[in-house]
């Protein structure tokens, strides 16, 4: 279920921004924020 919500949000993405090492995807009222894993 979580994967389906994630994929649906990506398909509905209205905009994205990469800043300070973070990927921010806006889709309606939801915002997904991805941070690179530190090695």
C-alpha atoms as a PDB file:
ATOM      1  CA  UNK A   1       0.000   0.000   0.000  1.00  0.00           C
ATOM      2  CA  UNK A   2       2.803   2.449   0.855  1.00  0.00           C
ATOM      3  CA  UNK A   3       4.541   1.734  -2.449  1.00  0.00           C
ATOM      4  CA  UNK A   4       1.329   2.398  -4.384  1.00  0.00           C
ATOM      5  CA  UNK A   5       0.848   5.740  -2.619  1.00  0.00           C
ATOM      6  CA  UNK A   6       4.453   6.646  -3.399  1.00  0.00           C
ATOM      7  CA  UNK A   7       4.104   5.799  -7.099  1.00  0.00           C
ATOM      8  CA  UNK A   8       0.792   7.649  -7.350  1.00  0.00           C
ATOM      9  CA  UNK A   9       2.337  10.744  -5.755  1.00  0.00           C
ATOM     10  CA  UNK A  10       5.248  10.649  -8.223  1.00  0.00           C
ATOM     11  CA  UNK A  11       2.855  10.455 -11.167  1.00  0.00           C
ATOM     12  CA  UNK A  12       0.910  13.444  -9.818  1.00  0.00           C
ATOM     13  CA  UNK A  13       4.050  15.531  -9.262  1.00  0.00           C
ATOM     14  CA  UNK A  14       3.520  19.189 -10.153  1.00  0.00           C
ATOM     15  CA  UNK A  15       7.049  20.400  -9.485  1.00  0.00           C
ATOM     16  CA  UNK A  16      10.372  19.414  -8.014  1.00  0.00           C
ATOM     17  CA  UNK A  17      13.359  21.184  -6.530  1.00  0.00           C
ATOM     18  CA  UNK A  18      16.843  20.051  -5.573  1.00  0.00           C
ATOM     19  CA  UNK A  19      18.426  22.167  -2.862  1.00  0.00           C
ATOM     20  CA  UNK A  20      20.898  21.546  -0.048  1.00  0.00           C
ATOM     21  CA  UNK A  21      21.210  17.878  -1.015  1.00  0.00           C
ATOM     22  CA  UNK A  22      17.447  17.267  -0.774  1.00  0.00           C
ATOM     23  CA  UNK A  23      14.948  16.405  -3.510  1.00  0.00           C
ATOM     24  CA  UNK A  24      11.555  17.976  -2.841  1.00  0.00           C
ATOM     25  CA  UNK A  25       8.582  16.843  -4.976  1.00  0.00           C
ATOM     26  CA  UNK A  26       5.291  18.721  -4.707  1.00  0.00           C
ATOM     27  CA  UNK A  27       2.068  16.962  -5.663  1.00  0.00           C
ATOM     28  CA  UNK A  28      -1.084  18.769  -4.605  1.00  0.00           C
ATOM     29  CA  UNK A  29      -1.181  19.208  -0.847  1.00  0.00           C
ATOM     30  CA  UNK A  30       1.540  16.585  -0.341  1.00  0.00           C
ATOM     31  CA  UNK A  31       5.290  17.132  -0.427  1.00  0.00           C
ATOM     32  CA  UNK A  32       7.813  14.310  -0.686  1.00  0.00           C
ATOM     33  CA  UNK A  33      11.316  15.049   0.566  1.00  0.00           C
ATOM     34  CA  UNK A  34      14.246  12.758  -0.162  1.00  0.00           C
ATOM     35  CA  UNK A  35      17.634  13.055   1.504  1.00  0.00           C
ATOM     36  CA  UNK A  36      20.738  11.264   0.228  1.00  0.00           C
ATOM     37  CA  UNK A  37      22.023   8.548   2.511  1.00  0.00           C
ATOM     38  CA  UNK A  38      25.338   9.408   4.152  1.00  0.00           C
ATOM     39  CA  UNK A  39      28.019   6.791   3.500  1.00  0.00           C
END
